[in-house]
Amino acid sequence: FPSHRLNNVPICLYFATFFYFTSYHALSNVIIRRALTSFKASKGRIIFVFCLILLMSYTTALMETITISGFPYYSFENREMAMTVGSAFYGIYFIFSFPMFFCLDELKFSRKLT
């Protein structure tokens, strides 16, 4: 059956963003919290958490691109470019949103860790 579209995106994918983003950010909070509580405060921990956030950001963007490509009414003109460069640019969003979401969730906790 044909999918109804808004801005050439299937409408049902707009509703999927809620559970996608909720899952991403809840899991990122657990991982960031684990990294911050497992190591004592130091420059090394800051660098480790920053690298961890970079890795999680690209991985999350890439995995979403891969899973969304399985949806039958969604396609890419250049799949390889979407998987590599597109995921890298999309990952930039998560570089900022993962720490910000963590601060919203753990504001008191995050102040004690710095």
N, C-alpha and C. Protein backbone atom coordinates (compact mmCIF):
# COMPACT_ATOMS: atom_id res chain seq x y z
N PHE A 1 0.84 -1.18 0.00
CA PHE A 1 0.00 0.00 0.00
C PHE A 1 0.88 1.25 0.00
N PRO A 2 0.46 2.30 -0.64
CA PRO A 2 1.27 3.52 -0.68
C PRO A 2 1.22 4.24 0.67
N SER A 3 2.33 4.85 1.02
CA SER A 3 2.42 5.56 2.29
C SER A 3 2.10 7.04 2.07
N HIS A 4 1.37 7.61 3.00
CA HIS A 4 1.12 9.05 2.93
C HIS A 4 2.38 9.76 3.40
N ARG A 5 2.72 10.86 2.74
CA ARG A 5 3.99 11.53 3.01
C ARG A 5 3.78 13.01 3.34
N LEU A 6 4.69 13.52 4.15
CA LEU A 6 4.77 14.94 4.46
C LEU A 6 6.22 15.33 4.25
N ASN A 7 6.48 16.27 3.38
CA ASN A 7 7.86 16.63 2.98
C ASN A 7 8.61 15.41 2.47
N ASN A 8 7.91 14.57 1.77
CA ASN A 8 8.43 13.35 1.17
C ASN A 8 8.94 12.34 2.21
N VAL A 9 8.48 12.45 3.45
CA VAL A 9 8.81 11.50 4.52
C VAL A 9 7.51 10.82 4.93
N PRO A 10 7.51 9.49 5.01
CA PRO A 10 6.29 8.79 5.44
C PRO A 10 5.81 9.30 6.81
N ILE A 11 4.55 9.59 6.92
CA ILE A 11 3.99 10.18 8.14
C ILE A 11 4.21 9.28 9.35
N CYS A 12 4.14 7.99 9.18
CA CYS A 12 4.33 7.10 10.34
C CYS A 12 5.73 7.24 10.94
N LEU A 13 6.71 7.68 10.16
CA LEU A 13 8.06 7.86 10.71
C LEU A 13 8.14 9.05 11.66
N TYR A 14 7.27 10.03 11.50
CA TYR A 14 7.24 11.15 12.44
C TYR A 14 6.87 10.64 13.84
N PHE A 15 5.94 9.69 13.92
CA PHE A 15 5.54 9.14 15.21
C PHE A 15 6.63 8.24 15.79
N ALA A 16 7.42 7.63 14.95
CA ALA A 16 8.50 6.75 15.42
C ALA A 16 9.62 7.54 16.09
N THR A 17 9.74 8.82 15.79
CA THR A 17 10.84 9.60 16.38
C THR A 17 10.74 9.65 17.90
N PHE A 18 9.56 9.63 18.45
CA PHE A 18 9.41 9.70 19.90
C PHE A 18 10.09 8.52 20.58
N PHE A 19 9.75 7.31 20.18
CA PHE A 19 10.36 6.16 20.85
C PHE A 19 11.82 5.97 20.46
N TYR A 20 12.21 6.38 19.27
CA TYR A 20 13.63 6.33 18.91
C TYR A 20 14.44 7.24 19.85
N PHE A 21 14.06 8.51 19.92
CA PHE A 21 14.85 9.47 20.68
C PHE A 21 14.78 9.22 22.18
N THR A 22 13.65 8.76 22.68
CA THR A 22 13.56 8.43 24.09
C THR A 22 14.51 7.29 24.44
N SER A 23 14.55 6.29 23.60
CA SER A 23 15.45 5.16 23.83
C SER A 23 16.91 5.58 23.76
N TYR A 24 17.26 6.36 22.74
CA TYR A 24 18.66 6.80 22.59
C TYR A 24 19.13 7.55 23.83
N HIS A 25 18.35 8.49 24.27
CA HIS A 25 18.79 9.37 25.36
C HIS A 25 18.73 8.68 26.72
N ALA A 26 17.79 7.79 26.91
CA ALA A 26 17.76 7.03 28.18
C ALA A 26 18.99 6.13 28.28
N LEU A 27 19.32 5.46 27.19
CA LEU A 27 20.50 4.59 27.19
C LEU A 27 21.79 5.41 27.33
N SER A 28 21.85 6.55 26.68
CA SER A 28 23.06 7.39 26.79
C SER A 28 23.25 7.87 28.23
N ASN A 29 22.16 8.17 28.92
CA ASN A 29 22.27 8.58 30.33
C ASN A 29 22.89 7.48 31.19
N VAL A 30 22.46 6.25 30.96
CA VAL A 30 23.00 5.13 31.72
C VAL A 30 24.50 4.98 31.46
N ILE A 31 24.90 5.08 30.21
CA ILE A 31 26.31 4.91 29.85
C ILE A 31 27.16 6.06 30.37
N ILE A 32 26.69 7.29 30.22
CA ILE A 32 27.45 8.44 30.73
C ILE A 32 27.56 8.38 32.25
N ARG A 33 26.46 8.05 32.92
CA ARG A 33 26.48 7.94 34.38
C ARG A 33 27.49 6.88 34.82
N ARG A 34 27.50 5.76 34.12
CA ARG A 34 28.43 4.67 34.45
C ARG A 34 29.89 5.14 34.29
N ALA A 35 30.16 5.85 33.21
CA ALA A 35 31.52 6.35 32.97
C ALA A 35 31.93 7.36 34.03
N LEU A 36 31.01 8.22 34.43
CA LEU A 36 31.34 9.25 35.42
C LEU A 36 31.50 8.69 36.83
N THR A 37 30.79 7.62 37.14
CA THR A 37 30.88 7.07 38.49
C THR A 37 31.95 5.98 38.62
N SER A 38 32.43 5.46 37.51
CA SER A 38 33.41 4.38 37.55
C SER A 38 34.85 4.88 37.71
N PHE A 39 35.09 6.14 37.37
CA PHE A 39 36.44 6.70 37.41
C PHE A 39 36.45 7.94 38.28
N LYS A 40 37.55 8.17 38.96
CA LYS A 40 37.63 9.39 39.77
C LYS A 40 37.81 10.59 38.84
N ALA A 41 37.41 11.75 39.35
CA ALA A 41 37.46 12.97 38.54
C ALA A 41 38.91 13.27 38.15
N SER A 42 39.12 13.42 36.84
CA SER A 42 40.44 13.75 36.32
C SER A 42 40.30 14.21 34.87
N LYS A 43 41.38 14.70 34.30
CA LYS A 43 41.37 15.07 32.89
C LYS A 43 41.15 13.85 32.01
N GLY A 44 41.71 12.72 32.43
CA GLY A 44 41.52 11.48 31.68
C GLY A 44 40.06 11.07 31.59
N ARG A 45 39.33 11.25 32.69
CA ARG A 45 37.91 10.91 32.67
C ARG A 45 37.15 11.84 31.74
N ILE A 46 37.49 13.10 31.74
CA ILE A 46 36.83 14.06 30.85
C ILE A 46 37.06 13.66 29.39
N ILE A 47 38.30 13.33 29.06
CA ILE A 47 38.63 12.92 27.69
C ILE A 47 37.91 11.63 27.34
N PHE A 48 37.89 10.69 28.27
CA PHE A 48 37.21 9.42 28.04
C PHE A 48 35.72 9.63 27.78
N VAL A 49 35.07 10.43 28.60
CA VAL A 49 33.63 10.68 28.44
C VAL A 49 33.37 11.41 27.13
N PHE A 50 34.22 12.35 26.76
CA PHE A 50 34.06 13.06 25.50
C PHE A 50 34.18 12.09 24.32
N CYS A 51 35.19 11.24 24.34
CA CYS A 51 35.36 10.24 23.27
C CYS A 51 34.20 9.26 23.25
N LEU A 52 33.72 8.89 24.42
CA LEU A 52 32.57 7.99 24.52
C LEU A 52 31.33 8.63 23.89
N ILE A 53 31.12 9.90 24.15
CA ILE A 53 29.97 10.61 23.57
C ILE A 53 30.11 10.70 22.05
N LEU A 54 31.32 10.95 21.56
CA LEU A 54 31.54 10.98 20.11
C LEU A 54 31.21 9.62 19.49
N LEU A 55 31.70 8.56 20.11
CA LEU A 55 31.45 7.21 19.60
C LEU A 55 29.96 6.87 19.65
N MET A 56 29.31 7.17 20.77
CA MET A 56 27.87 6.89 20.88
C MET A 56 27.07 7.70 19.86
N SER A 57 27.49 8.94 19.61
CA SER A 57 26.77 9.80 18.67
C SER A 57 26.81 9.24 17.26
N TYR A 58 28.00 8.88 16.80
CA TYR A 58 28.10 8.34 15.44
C TYR A 58 27.41 6.98 15.35
N THR A 59 27.60 6.15 16.34
CA THR A 59 26.97 4.82 16.33
C THR A 59 25.45 4.93 16.32
N THR A 60 24.91 5.82 17.13
CA THR A 60 23.46 6.00 17.17
C THR A 60 22.94 6.48 15.82
N ALA A 61 23.60 7.47 15.24
CA ALA A 61 23.17 7.99 13.94
C ALA A 61 23.27 6.91 12.86
N LEU A 62 24.35 6.17 12.85
CA LEU A 62 24.53 5.11 11.85
C LEU A 62 23.48 4.01 12.03
N MET A 63 23.25 3.60 13.26
CA MET A 63 22.27 2.53 13.49
C MET A 63 20.85 2.98 13.12
N GLU A 64 20.53 4.23 13.38
CA GLU A 64 19.21 4.71 12.96
C GLU A 64 19.11 4.73 11.45
N THR A 65 20.15 5.15 10.78
CA THR A 65 20.14 5.17 9.31
C THR A 65 19.96 3.76 8.76
N ILE A 66 20.65 2.79 9.36
CA ILE A 66 20.53 1.40 8.91
C ILE A 66 19.13 0.86 9.15
N THR A 67 18.59 1.10 10.35
CA THR A 67 17.26 0.55 10.65
C THR A 67 16.17 1.23 9.84
N ILE A 68 16.29 2.52 9.62
CA ILE A 68 15.25 3.23 8.89
C ILE A 68 15.28 2.85 7.41
N SER A 69 16.43 2.42 6.92
CA SER A 69 16.53 2.03 5.51
C SER A 69 15.76 0.73 5.25
N GLY A 70 15.47 -0.01 6.30
CA GLY A 70 14.68 -1.23 6.15
C GLY A 70 13.20 -0.97 6.00
N PHE A 71 12.76 0.25 6.25
CA PHE A 71 11.35 0.60 6.10
C PHE A 71 11.02 0.65 4.62
N PRO A 72 10.01 -0.06 4.16
CA PRO A 72 9.78 -0.21 2.72
C PRO A 72 9.42 1.08 1.97
N TYR A 73 8.95 2.09 2.66
CA TYR A 73 8.54 3.31 1.97
C TYR A 73 9.53 4.45 2.16
N TYR A 74 10.76 4.11 2.48
CA TYR A 74 11.80 5.11 2.72
C TYR A 74 13.02 4.69 1.92
N SER A 75 13.62 5.62 1.21
CA SER A 75 14.78 5.26 0.38
C SER A 75 15.80 6.39 0.36
N PHE A 76 17.02 6.04 -0.02
CA PHE A 76 18.10 7.01 -0.16
C PHE A 76 18.55 7.03 -1.61
N GLU A 77 18.92 8.20 -2.12
CA GLU A 77 19.48 8.28 -3.47
C GLU A 77 20.84 7.61 -3.51
N ASN A 78 21.65 7.86 -2.49
CA ASN A 78 23.00 7.29 -2.42
C ASN A 78 23.16 6.66 -1.04
N ARG A 79 22.95 5.36 -0.95
CA ARG A 79 22.96 4.65 0.33
C ARG A 79 24.30 4.78 1.04
N GLU A 80 25.40 4.62 0.32
CA GLU A 80 26.74 4.69 0.94
C GLU A 80 26.99 6.07 1.55
N MET A 81 26.62 7.11 0.83
CA MET A 81 26.81 8.47 1.33
C MET A 81 25.94 8.72 2.56
N ALA A 82 24.73 8.21 2.55
CA ALA A 82 23.83 8.37 3.71
C ALA A 82 24.40 7.65 4.92
N MET A 83 24.96 6.46 4.72
CA MET A 83 25.49 5.67 5.83
C MET A 83 26.76 6.28 6.44
N THR A 84 27.59 6.87 5.63
CA THR A 84 28.87 7.39 6.14
C THR A 84 28.79 8.87 6.49
N VAL A 85 28.70 9.71 5.47
CA VAL A 85 28.72 11.16 5.69
C VAL A 85 27.44 11.64 6.35
N GLY A 86 26.30 11.12 5.90
CA GLY A 86 25.03 11.52 6.49
C GLY A 86 24.95 11.19 7.97
N SER A 87 25.44 10.01 8.32
CA SER A 87 25.44 9.61 9.73
C SER A 87 26.38 10.48 10.55
N ALA A 88 27.50 10.87 9.97
CA ALA A 88 28.44 11.73 10.69
C ALA A 88 27.81 13.10 10.98
N PHE A 89 27.15 13.67 10.00
CA PHE A 89 26.50 14.96 10.22
C PHE A 89 25.31 14.84 11.17
N TYR A 90 24.55 13.78 11.04
CA TYR A 90 23.43 13.56 11.95
C TYR A 90 23.94 13.32 13.37
N GLY A 91 25.08 12.67 13.50
CA GLY A 91 25.68 12.42 14.80
C GLY A 91 26.04 13.69 15.55
N ILE A 92 26.27 14.78 14.83
CA ILE A 92 26.59 16.06 15.48
C ILE A 92 25.46 16.46 16.43
N TYR A 93 24.24 16.18 16.05
CA TYR A 93 23.11 16.48 16.93
C TYR A 93 23.28 15.78 18.28
N PHE A 94 23.64 14.51 18.25
CA PHE A 94 23.77 13.73 19.48
C PHE A 94 24.96 14.16 20.33
N ILE A 95 26.00 14.70 19.69
CA ILE A 95 27.15 15.19 20.45
C ILE A 95 26.71 16.24 21.47
N PHE A 96 25.72 17.02 21.10
CA PHE A 96 25.22 18.06 22.00
C PHE A 96 24.04 17.56 22.84
N SER A 97 23.17 16.74 22.25
CA SER A 97 21.95 16.36 22.97
C SER A 97 22.20 15.34 24.08
N PHE A 98 23.15 14.42 23.90
CA PHE A 98 23.41 13.44 24.96
C PHE A 98 23.85 14.11 26.26
N PRO A 99 24.86 14.98 26.25
CA PRO A 99 25.25 15.64 27.51
C PRO A 99 24.16 16.56 28.06
N MET A 100 23.43 17.24 27.17
CA MET A 100 22.38 18.14 27.65
C MET A 100 21.25 17.34 28.31
N PHE A 101 20.86 16.24 27.72
CA PHE A 101 19.82 15.40 28.30
C PHE A 101 20.30 14.84 29.64
N PHE A 102 21.56 14.48 29.72
CA PHE A 102 22.12 13.98 30.98
C PHE A 102 22.04 15.06 32.05
N CYS A 103 22.37 16.29 31.69
CA CYS A 103 22.30 17.39 32.67
C CYS A 103 20.87 17.64 33.13
N LEU A 104 19.92 17.52 32.23
CA LEU A 104 18.52 17.71 32.63
C LEU A 104 18.07 16.61 33.58
N ASP A 105 18.52 15.40 33.31
CA ASP A 105 18.10 14.25 34.11
C ASP A 105 18.83 14.18 35.45
N GLU A 106 20.08 14.61 35.48
CA GLU A 106 20.92 14.40 36.64
C GLU A 106 21.59 15.70 37.10
N LEU A 107 20.87 16.79 37.11
CA LEU A 107 21.48 18.09 37.38
C LEU A 107 22.22 18.11 38.71
N LYS A 108 21.60 17.68 39.79
CA LYS A 108 22.28 17.66 41.09
C LYS A 108 23.47 16.70 41.08
N PHE A 109 23.24 15.52 40.49
CA PHE A 109 24.26 14.49 40.43
C PHE A 109 25.46 14.96 39.61
N SER A 110 25.22 15.61 38.47
CA SER A 110 26.32 16.02 37.60
C SER A 110 27.16 17.12 38.24
N ARG A 111 26.59 17.96 39.09
CA ARG A 111 27.37 19.00 39.75
C ARG A 111 28.34 18.41 40.76
N LYS A 112 27.97 17.32 41.41
CA LYS A 112 28.85 16.68 42.38
C LYS A 112 30.04 16.00 41.69
N LEU A 113 29.88 15.62 40.42
CA LEU A 113 30.92 14.87 39.73
C LEU A 113 32.00 15.75 39.12
N THR A 114 31.77 17.04 39.04
CA THR A 114 32.77 17.90 38.40
C THR A 114 33.65 18.58 39.41
